[in-house]
C-alpha atoms as a PDB file:
ATOM      1  CA  UNK A   1     -50.187   9.740  30.967  1.00  0.00           C
ATOM      2  CA  UNK A   2     -47.402   7.853  29.157  1.00  0.00           C
ATOM      3  CA  UNK A   3     -45.082  10.877  29.331  1.00  0.00           C
ATOM      4  CA  UNK A   4     -45.702  11.252  33.055  1.00  0.00           C
ATOM      5  CA  UNK A   5     -45.142   7.546  33.614  1.00  0.00           C
ATOM      6  CA  UNK A   6     -41.839   7.729  31.700  1.00  0.00           C
ATOM      7  CA  UNK A   7     -40.833  11.014  33.384  1.00  0.00           C
ATOM      8  CA  UNK A   8     -40.263  12.438  29.886  1.00  0.00           C
ATOM      9  CA  UNK A   9     -40.850  16.149  29.153  1.00  0.00           C
ATOM     10  CA  UNK A  10     -43.378  16.909  26.410  1.00  0.00           C
ATOM     11  CA  UNK A  11     -40.800  19.073  24.583  1.00  0.00           C
ATOM     12  CA  UNK A  12     -38.326  16.187  24.359  1.00  0.00           C
ATOM     13  CA  UNK A  13     -40.987  13.854  22.978  1.00  0.00           C
ATOM     14  CA  UNK A  14     -42.043  16.272  20.225  1.00  0.00           C
ATOM     15  CA  UNK A  15     -38.436  17.126  19.368  1.00  0.00           C
ATOM     16  CA  UNK A  16     -37.641  13.460  18.782  1.00  0.00           C
ATOM     17  CA  UNK A  17     -40.864  12.997  16.820  1.00  0.00           C
ATOM     18  CA  UNK A  18     -39.922  15.887  14.535  1.00  0.00           C
ATOM     19  CA  UNK A  19     -36.384  14.551  14.082  1.00  0.00           C
ATOM     20  CA  UNK A  20     -37.699  11.140  13.033  1.00  0.00           C
ATOM     21  CA  UNK A  21     -39.939  12.750  10.455  1.00  0.00           C
ATOM     22  CA  UNK A  22     -37.088  14.793   8.991  1.00  0.00           C
ATOM     23  CA  UNK A  23     -35.233  11.715   7.737  1.00  0.00           C
ATOM     24  CA  UNK A  24     -31.447  11.179   7.534  1.00  0.00           C
ATOM     25  CA  UNK A  25     -29.685  14.413   6.568  1.00  0.00           C
ATOM     26  CA  UNK A  26     -26.542  12.435   5.671  1.00  0.00           C
ATOM     27  CA  UNK A  27     -28.287   9.868   3.476  1.00  0.00           C
ATOM     28  CA  UNK A  28     -26.771  11.117   0.209  1.00  0.00           C
ATOM     29  CA  UNK A  29     -23.261  11.336   1.699  1.00  0.00           C
ATOM     30  CA  UNK A  30     -23.609   7.827   3.117  1.00  0.00           C
ATOM     31  CA  UNK A  31     -24.578   6.548  -0.321  1.00  0.00           C
ATOM     32  CA  UNK A  32     -21.488   8.160  -1.849  1.00  0.00           C
ATOM     33  CA  UNK A  33     -19.265   6.795   0.923  1.00  0.00           C
ATOM     34  CA  UNK A  34     -20.646   3.308   0.330  1.00  0.00           C
ATOM     35  CA  UNK A  35     -20.125   3.668  -3.434  1.00  0.00           C
ATOM     36  CA  UNK A  36     -16.481   4.746  -2.987  1.00  0.00           C
ATOM     37  CA  UNK A  37     -15.883   1.944  -0.485  1.00  0.00           C
ATOM     38  CA  UNK A  38     -17.399  -0.643  -2.844  1.00  0.00           C
ATOM     39  CA  UNK A  39     -15.585   0.694  -5.908  1.00  0.00           C
ATOM     40  CA  UNK A  40     -12.259   0.162  -4.164  1.00  0.00           C
ATOM     41  CA  UNK A  41     -13.369  -3.182  -2.703  1.00  0.00           C
ATOM     42  CA  UNK A  42     -13.123  -2.025   0.895  1.00  0.00           C
ATOM     43  CA  UNK A  43      -9.541  -0.813   0.541  1.00  0.00           C
ATOM     44  CA  UNK A  44     -10.187   2.838   1.418  1.00  0.00           C
ATOM     45  CA  UNK A  45     -10.420   4.068   5.001  1.00  0.00           C
ATOM     46  CA  UNK A  46     -12.059   7.291   6.124  1.00  0.00           C
ATOM     47  CA  UNK A  47      -9.075   9.483   5.215  1.00  0.00           C
ATOM     48  CA  UNK A  48      -8.957   8.432   1.560  1.00  0.00           C
ATOM     49  CA  UNK A  49     -12.739   8.499   1.253  1.00  0.00           C
ATOM     50  CA  UNK A  50     -12.708  12.041   2.659  1.00  0.00           C
ATOM     51  CA  UNK A  51     -10.153  13.010   0.006  1.00  0.00           C
ATOM     52  CA  UNK A  52     -12.260  11.531  -2.795  1.00  0.00           C
ATOM     53  CA  UNK A  53     -15.378  13.326  -1.538  1.00  0.00           C
ATOM     54  CA  UNK A  54     -13.516  16.634  -1.398  1.00  0.00           C
ATOM     55  CA  UNK A  55     -12.181  16.095  -4.921  1.00  0.00           C
ATOM     56  CA  UNK A  56     -15.798  15.932  -6.109  1.00  0.00           C
ATOM     57  CA  UNK A  57     -16.648  19.213  -4.372  1.00  0.00           C
ATOM     58  CA  UNK A  58     -18.057  17.889  -1.104  1.00  0.00           C
ATOM     59  CA  UNK A  59     -17.158  20.044   1.925  1.00  0.00           C
ATOM     60  CA  UNK A  60     -16.907  17.536   4.757  1.00  0.00           C
ATOM     61  CA  UNK A  61     -14.760  16.893   7.813  1.00  0.00           C
ATOM     62  CA  UNK A  62     -12.815  13.643   8.076  1.00  0.00           C
ATOM     63  CA  UNK A  63     -14.314  13.002  11.520  1.00  0.00           C
ATOM     64  CA  UNK A  64     -17.786  13.149  10.000  1.00  0.00           C
ATOM     65  CA  UNK A  65     -16.768  10.600   7.370  1.00  0.00           C
ATOM     66  CA  UNK A  66     -15.297   8.389  10.080  1.00  0.00           C
ATOM     67  CA  UNK A  67     -18.523   8.554  12.109  1.00  0.00           C
ATOM     68  CA  UNK A  68     -20.711   7.817   9.074  1.00  0.00           C
ATOM     69  CA  UNK A  69     -18.514   4.868   8.112  1.00  0.00           C
ATOM     70  CA  UNK A  70     -18.913   3.487  11.623  1.00  0.00           C
ATOM     71  CA  UNK A  71     -22.682   3.778  11.244  1.00  0.00           C
ATOM     72  CA  UNK A  72     -22.445   1.901   7.929  1.00  0.00           C
ATOM     73  CA  UNK A  73     -20.240  -0.782   9.454  1.00  0.00           C
ATOM     74  CA  UNK A  74     -17.267   0.022   7.215  1.00  0.00           C
ATOM     75  CA  UNK A  75     -13.849  -0.442   8.839  1.00  0.00           C
ATOM     76  CA  UNK A  76     -10.165  -0.946   8.067  1.00  0.00           C
ATOM     77  CA  UNK A  77      -8.334  -4.271   7.844  1.00  0.00           C
ATOM     78  CA  UNK A  78      -5.626  -5.912   9.938  1.00  0.00           C
ATOM     79  CA  UNK A  79      -2.207  -6.362   8.392  1.00  0.00           C
ATOM     80  CA  UNK A  80      -0.385  -9.714   8.572  1.00  0.00           C
ATOM     81  CA  UNK A  81       3.250 -10.685   9.112  1.00  0.00           C
ATOM     82  CA  UNK A  82       5.752 -11.068   6.273  1.00  0.00           C
ATOM     83  CA  UNK A  83       8.069 -13.698   4.825  1.00  0.00           C
ATOM     84  CA  UNK A  84      11.668 -13.639   6.118  1.00  0.00           C
ATOM     85  CA  UNK A  85      14.648 -14.851   4.088  1.00  0.00           C
ATOM     86  CA  UNK A  86      17.534 -14.333   6.512  1.00  0.00           C
ATOM     87  CA  UNK A  87      19.908 -17.332   6.660  1.00  0.00           C
ATOM     88  CA  UNK A  88      22.644 -15.926   8.828  1.00  0.00           C
ATOM     89  CA  UNK A  89      25.848 -14.097   7.949  1.00  0.00           C
ATOM     90  CA  UNK A  90      26.496 -15.276   4.368  1.00  0.00           C
ATOM     91  CA  UNK A  91      28.305 -12.916   2.022  1.00  0.00           C
ATOM     92  CA  UNK A  92      28.802  -9.168   2.252  1.00  0.00           C
ATOM     93  CA  UNK A  93      26.283  -6.998   4.137  1.00  0.00           C
ATOM     94  CA  UNK A  94      26.150  -3.379   2.971  1.00  0.00           C
ATOM     95  CA  UNK A  95      25.787  -0.588   5.561  1.00  0.00           C
ATOM     96  CA  UNK A  96      22.410   1.013   6.268  1.00  0.00           C
ATOM     97  CA  UNK A  97      23.007   4.029   4.047  1.00  0.00           C
ATOM     98  CA  UNK A  98      19.285   4.777   3.628  1.00  0.00           C
ATOM     99  CA  UNK A  99      18.846   5.301   7.407  1.00  0.00           C
ATOM    100  CA  UNK A 100      15.032   5.343   7.153  1.00  0.00           C
ATOM    101  CA  UNK A 101      14.979   8.345   4.839  1.00  0.00           C
ATOM    102  CA  UNK A 102      11.927   7.142   2.962  1.00  0.00           C
ATOM    103  CA  UNK A 103      11.580  10.236   0.758  1.00  0.00           C
ATOM    104  CA  UNK A 104      13.168  11.348  -2.492  1.00  0.00           C
ATOM    105  CA  UNK A 105      13.131  14.588  -4.469  1.00  0.00           C
ATOM    106  CA  UNK A 106      12.728  12.884  -7.820  1.00  0.00           C
ATOM    107  CA  UNK A 107      12.300   9.484  -9.537  1.00  0.00           C
ATOM    108  CA  UNK A 108      15.064   6.872  -9.443  1.00  0.00           C
ATOM    109  CA  UNK A 109      16.924   8.343  -6.485  1.00  0.00           C
ATOM    110  CA  UNK A 110      16.028   5.856  -3.750  1.00  0.00           C
ATOM    111  CA  UNK A 111      14.629   2.359  -4.248  1.00  0.00           C
ATOM    112  CA  UNK A 112      13.605  -0.320  -1.727  1.00  0.00           C
ATOM    113  CA  UNK A 113      13.033  -4.029  -2.291  1.00  0.00           C
ATOM    114  CA  UNK A 114      12.127  -7.200  -0.397  1.00  0.00           C
ATOM    115  CA  UNK A 115      10.359 -10.569  -0.824  1.00  0.00           C
ATOM    116  CA  UNK A 116       7.022 -11.660   0.636  1.00  0.00           C
ATOM    117  CA  UNK A 117       5.225 -14.995   0.743  1.00  0.00           C
ATOM    118  CA  UNK A 118       1.640 -16.061  -0.018  1.00  0.00           C
ATOM    119  CA  UNK A 119       0.042 -19.445   0.592  1.00  0.00           C
ATOM    120  CA  UNK A 120      -2.830 -20.971  -1.400  1.00  0.00           C
ATOM    121  CA  UNK A 121      -3.892 -24.389  -0.135  1.00  0.00           C
ATOM    122  CA  UNK A 122      -0.586 -26.306   0.044  1.00  0.00           C
ATOM    123  CA  UNK A 123       1.231 -24.147  -2.495  1.00  0.00           C
ATOM    124  CA  UNK A 124       3.301 -21.013  -2.003  1.00  0.00           C
ATOM    125  CA  UNK A 125       3.877 -17.945  -4.142  1.00  0.00           C
ATOM    126  CA  UNK A 126       6.628 -15.379  -3.665  1.00  0.00           C
ATOM    127  CA  UNK A 127       6.602 -11.744  -4.758  1.00  0.00           C
ATOM    128  CA  UNK A 128       9.752  -9.689  -5.315  1.00  0.00           C
ATOM    129  CA  UNK A 129       9.024  -6.000  -6.059  1.00  0.00           C
ATOM    130  CA  UNK A 130      11.071  -2.810  -6.113  1.00  0.00           C
ATOM    131  CA  UNK A 131       9.534   0.513  -5.037  1.00  0.00           C
ATOM    132  CA  UNK A 132      10.585   4.046  -5.942  1.00  0.00           C
ATOM    133  CA  UNK A 133      10.466   6.123  -2.752  1.00  0.00           C
ATOM    134  CA  UNK A 134       9.763   9.290  -4.739  1.00  0.00           C
ATOM    135  CA  UNK A 135       6.103   8.362  -5.155  1.00  0.00           C
ATOM    136  CA  UNK A 136       5.747   4.858  -3.720  1.00  0.00           C
ATOM    137  CA  UNK A 137       5.331   3.365  -7.205  1.00  0.00           C
ATOM    138  CA  UNK A 138       6.101  -0.325  -7.763  1.00  0.00           C
ATOM    139  CA  UNK A 139       8.362   0.048 -10.800  1.00  0.00           C
ATOM    140  CA  UNK A 140       9.107  -3.661 -11.297  1.00  0.00           C
ATOM    141  CA  UNK A 141       8.172  -7.012  -9.781  1.00  0.00           C
ATOM    142  CA  UNK A 142       8.381 -10.769 -10.299  1.00  0.00           C
ATOM    143  CA  UNK A 143       6.380 -13.662  -8.851  1.00  0.00           C
ATOM    144  CA  UNK A 144       7.299 -17.330  -8.617  1.00  0.00           C
ATOM    145  CA  UNK A 145       6.609 -20.570  -6.712  1.00  0.00           C
ATOM    146  CA  UNK A 146      10.080 -20.580  -5.084  1.00  0.00           C
ATOM    147  CA  UNK A 147      12.160 -17.774  -3.534  1.00  0.00           C
ATOM    148  CA  UNK A 148      15.159 -18.403  -5.783  1.00  0.00           C
ATOM    149  CA  UNK A 149      17.813 -15.889  -6.817  1.00  0.00           C
ATOM    150  CA  UNK A 150      16.391 -15.763 -10.345  1.00  0.00           C
ATOM    151  CA  UNK A 151      13.236 -14.171  -8.966  1.00  0.00           C
ATOM    152  CA  UNK A 152      15.261 -11.203  -7.729  1.00  0.00           C
ATOM    153  CA  UNK A 153      17.533 -11.040 -10.793  1.00  0.00           C
ATOM    154  CA  UNK A 154      14.623 -10.799 -13.254  1.00  0.00           C
ATOM    155  CA  UNK A 155      12.979  -8.140 -11.109  1.00  0.00           C
ATOM    156  CA  UNK A 156      16.209  -6.134 -11.030  1.00  0.00           C
ATOM    157  CA  UNK A 157      16.654  -6.282 -14.790  1.00  0.00           C
ATOM    158  CA  UNK A 158      13.120  -4.940 -15.304  1.00  0.00           C
ATOM    159  CA  UNK A 159      13.820  -2.154 -12.802  1.00  0.00           C
ATOM    160  CA  UNK A 160      17.078  -1.221 -14.526  1.00  0.00           C
ATOM    161  CA  UNK A 161      15.148  -0.741 -17.781  1.00  0.00           C
ATOM    162  CA  UNK A 162      13.421   2.221 -16.080  1.00  0.00           C
ATOM    163  CA  UNK A 163      16.711   4.046 -15.530  1.00  0.00           C
ATOM    164  CA  UNK A 164      17.569   7.106 -17.579  1.00  0.00           C
ATOM    165  CA  UNK A 165      21.135   8.160 -18.455  1.00  0.00           C
ATOM    166  CA  UNK A 166      22.747   9.463 -15.297  1.00  0.00           C
ATOM    167  CA  UNK A 167      20.329   7.755 -12.862  1.00  0.00           C
ATOM    168  CA  UNK A 168      22.164   6.134  -9.947  1.00  0.00           C
ATOM    169  CA  UNK A 169      19.573   5.160  -7.327  1.00  0.00           C
ATOM    170  CA  UNK A 170      20.379   3.948  -3.847  1.00  0.00           C
ATOM    171  CA  UNK A 171      18.942   0.406  -3.590  1.00  0.00           C
ATOM    172  CA  UNK A 172      17.925  -0.685  -0.088  1.00  0.00           C
ATOM    173  CA  UNK A 173      17.018  -4.212   1.081  1.00  0.00           C
ATOM    174  CA  UNK A 174      17.173  -6.356   4.181  1.00  0.00           C
ATOM    175  CA  UNK A 175      20.024  -8.830   4.815  1.00  0.00           C
ATOM    176  CA  UNK A 176      18.277 -11.758   3.097  1.00  0.00           C
ATOM    177  CA  UNK A 177      20.573 -14.202   1.336  1.00  0.00           C
ATOM    178  CA  UNK A 178      19.432 -13.038  -2.115  1.00  0.00           C
ATOM    179  CA  UNK A 179      20.847  -9.562  -1.515  1.00  0.00           C
ATOM    180  CA  UNK A 180      24.142 -10.872  -0.102  1.00  0.00           C
ATOM    181  CA  UNK A 181      24.703 -13.235  -3.032  1.00  0.00           C
ATOM    182  CA  UNK A 182      27.720 -12.445  -5.256  1.00  0.00           C
ATOM    183  CA  UNK A 183      25.557 -12.508  -8.427  1.00  0.00           C
ATOM    184  CA  UNK A 184      23.207  -9.898  -6.965  1.00  0.00           C
ATOM    185  CA  UNK A 185      26.142  -7.736  -5.987  1.00  0.00           C
ATOM    186  CA  UNK A 186      27.631  -7.979  -9.478  1.00  0.00           C
ATOM    187  CA  UNK A 187      24.342  -6.930 -11.097  1.00  0.00           C
ATOM    188  CA  UNK A 188      24.095  -3.865  -8.879  1.00  0.00           C
ATOM    189  CA  UNK A 189      27.744  -2.886  -9.240  1.00  0.00           C
ATOM    190  CA  UNK A 190      27.485  -3.181 -13.025  1.00  0.00           C
ATOM    191  CA  UNK A 191      24.800  -0.488 -12.960  1.00  0.00           C
ATOM    192  CA  UNK A 192      26.965   1.635 -10.614  1.00  0.00           C
ATOM    193  CA  UNK A 193      24.209   1.550  -8.005  1.00  0.00           C
ATOM    194  CA  UNK A 194      24.959   1.978  -4.300  1.00  0.00           C
ATOM    195  CA  UNK A 195      23.591  -0.758  -2.029  1.00  0.00           C
ATOM    196  CA  UNK A 196      22.046  -0.253   1.401  1.00  0.00           C
ATOM    197  CA  UNK A 197      20.840  -2.879   3.874  1.00  0.00           C
ATOM    198  CA  UNK A 198      18.705  -2.868   7.003  1.00  0.00           C
ATOM    199  CA  UNK A 199      20.366  -3.670  10.275  1.00  0.00           C
ATOM    200  CA  UNK A 200      20.028  -7.293  11.346  1.00  0.00           C
ATOM    201  CA  UNK A 201      16.568  -8.035  12.771  1.00  0.00           C
ATOM    202  CA  UNK A 202      15.328  -4.463  12.302  1.00  0.00           C
ATOM    203  CA  UNK A 203      12.326  -4.496   9.943  1.00  0.00           C
ATOM    204  CA  UNK A 204      11.658  -0.782  10.546  1.00  0.00           C
ATOM    205  CA  UNK A 205      14.728   0.012   8.441  1.00  0.00           C
ATOM    206  CA  UNK A 206      12.684  -1.134   5.434  1.00  0.00           C
ATOM    207  CA  UNK A 207       9.306   0.115   6.647  1.00  0.00           C
ATOM    208  CA  UNK A 208       8.222   1.510   3.269  1.00  0.00           C
ATOM    209  CA  UNK A 209       8.263  -1.918   1.622  1.00  0.00           C
ATOM    210  CA  UNK A 210       6.815  -3.563   4.727  1.00  0.00           C
ATOM    211  CA  UNK A 211       3.923  -1.109   4.501  1.00  0.00           C
ATOM    212  CA  UNK A 212       3.281  -2.034   0.857  1.00  0.00           C
ATOM    213  CA  UNK A 213       3.220  -5.753   1.658  1.00  0.00           C
ATOM    214  CA  UNK A 214       0.761  -5.118   4.485  1.00  0.00           C
ATOM    215  CA  UNK A 215      -1.465  -3.060   2.192  1.00  0.00           C
ATOM    216  CA  UNK A 216      -1.368  -5.649  -0.593  1.00  0.00           C
ATOM    217  CA  UNK A 217      -2.336  -8.484   1.739  1.00  0.00           C
ATOM    218  CA  UNK A 218      -4.977  -6.520   3.631  1.00  0.00           C
ATOM    219  CA  UNK A 219      -6.606  -4.931   0.575  1.00  0.00           C
ATOM    220  CA  UNK A 220      -6.365  -7.836  -1.845  1.00  0.00           C
ATOM    221  CA  UNK A 221      -5.094 -11.197  -0.624  1.00  0.00           C
ATOM    222  CA  UNK A 222      -7.248 -11.456   2.506  1.00  0.00           C
ATOM    223  CA  UNK A 223     -10.346 -10.073   0.795  1.00  0.00           C
ATOM    224  CA  UNK A 224     -10.474 -12.808  -1.852  1.00  0.00           C
ATOM    225  CA  UNK A 225     -10.504 -16.575  -2.153  1.00  0.00           C
ATOM    226  CA  UNK A 226      -8.014 -18.365  -4.397  1.00  0.00           C
ATOM    227  CA  UNK A 227      -8.013 -21.936  -5.655  1.00  0.00           C
ATOM    228  CA  UNK A 228      -4.737 -21.877  -7.619  1.00  0.00           C
ATOM    229  CA  UNK A 229      -1.413 -20.058  -7.542  1.00  0.00           C
ATOM    230  CA  UNK A 230      -1.976 -18.943 -11.136  1.00  0.00           C
ATOM    231  CA  UNK A 231      -5.191 -17.202 -10.109  1.00  0.00           C
ATOM    232  CA  UNK A 232      -3.317 -15.348  -7.369  1.00  0.00           C
ATOM    233  CA  UNK A 233      -0.510 -14.391  -9.763  1.00  0.00           C
ATOM    234  CA  UNK A 234      -2.956 -12.776 -12.183  1.00  0.00           C
ATOM    235  CA  UNK A 235      -4.669 -10.987  -9.315  1.00  0.00           C
ATOM    236  CA  UNK A 236      -1.400  -9.548  -8.009  1.00  0.00           C
ATOM    237  CA  UNK A 237      -0.649  -8.125 -11.448  1.00  0.00           C
ATOM    238  CA  UNK A 238      -4.082  -6.458 -11.485  1.00  0.00           C
ATOM    239  CA  UNK A 239      -3.722  -5.146  -7.932  1.00  0.00           C
ATOM    240  CA  UNK A 240      -0.277  -3.616  -8.519  1.00  0.00           C
ATOM    241  CA  UNK A 241      -1.645  -1.841 -11.595  1.00  0.00           C
ATOM    242  CA  UNK A 242      -4.498  -0.546  -9.434  1.00  0.00           C
ATOM    243  CA  UNK A 243      -2.046   0.457  -6.684  1.00  0.00           C
ATOM    244  CA  UNK A 244       0.144   2.393  -9.112  1.00  0.00           C
ATOM    245  CA  UNK A 245      -2.536   4.047 -11.255  1.00  0.00           C
ATOM    246  CA  UNK A 246      -5.715   4.421  -9.167  1.00  0.00           C
ATOM    247  CA  UNK A 247      -5.123   4.084  -5.418  1.00  0.00           C
ATOM    248  CA  UNK A 248      -4.662   7.575  -3.974  1.00  0.00           C
ATOM    249  CA  UNK A 249      -2.235   8.504  -1.192  1.00  0.00           C
ATOM    250  CA  UNK A 250      -2.639  11.352   1.252  1.00  0.00           C
ATOM    251  CA  UNK A 251       1.051  12.249   1.147  1.00  0.00           C
ATOM    252  CA  UNK A 252       0.844  12.501  -2.663  1.00  0.00           C
ATOM    253  CA  UNK A 253      -1.788  15.243  -2.420  1.00  0.00           C
ATOM    254  CA  UNK A 254      -4.627  12.789  -2.988  1.00  0.00           C
ATOM    255  CA  UNK A 255      -3.117  11.368  -6.205  1.00  0.00           C
ATOM    256  CA  UNK A 256      -2.038   7.876  -7.171  1.00  0.00           C
ATOM    257  CA  UNK A 257       1.724   7.249  -7.605  1.00  0.00           C
ATOM    258  CA  UNK A 258       1.581   7.418 -11.404  1.00  0.00           C
ATOM    259  CA  UNK A 259      -0.679  10.482 -11.356  1.00  0.00           C
ATOM    260  CA  UNK A 260       1.746  12.217  -8.989  1.00  0.00           C
ATOM    261  CA  UNK A 261       4.798  11.394 -11.118  1.00  0.00           C
ATOM    262  CA  UNK A 262       3.052  12.410 -14.342  1.00  0.00           C
ATOM    263  CA  UNK A 263       1.816  15.700 -12.865  1.00  0.00           C
ATOM    264  CA  UNK A 264       5.277  16.527 -11.499  1.00  0.00           C
ATOM    265  CA  UNK A 265       6.924  15.819 -14.859  1.00  0.00           C
ATOM    266  CA  UNK A 266       4.373  17.992 -16.664  1.00  0.00           C
ATOM    267  CA  UNK A 267       4.971  20.862 -14.240  1.00  0.00           C
ATOM    268  CA  UNK A 268       8.726  20.688 -14.732  1.00  0.00           C
END
């Protein structure tokens, strides 16, 4: 009588009844997806989680992982805007030699750098990193409460310590005043490094570093609460270590930057 009243075929009713009794066929995969998501504190989207599952022997399509993550309520994060340090035409601006070629055939061939800003209560913290475009590794960085030239100089000196005899990387930045300063130019020239700068007002010319800043803020800064600048500084150190050593990238064959570099060096 109920089936007739609902205009529902008997076969459909019993099919659904059987399906409910069978349980969730993806329960174990969902548990693993949730575990991977939690282990990386919500930083992995469906593509990276698919890669991790496949690395453990699971044969699964990325669309299936995406659908299961939607069922679990797991989603990606929005990326914020960045700090800008342009003060007008002060000093020498190098040409855009990099020309958005964000790849390299080996370490220490092409570097990119920039500065970004964080705010905790009424205090600010600035981060100045340099990235190797070979594997996206952050090879040196400095943090400080003010965006002074010393922040960039100390970062550069740490980066130069990574150079091997004969290394002459192209170093790309925007046209911020730090990178047009005579002292910055002297440091770079002393190492016989060629400078490159983004065109004025064109952030896409330094998209690789912009992408890192967006990832750092989405995966760490906006997922945590901070009461002091010192707490944030320590956390950034921990996150960059995680980013370099543990966080996998699809374009690096599912390896972290350090894993990719180490594997390539072993193969050669």
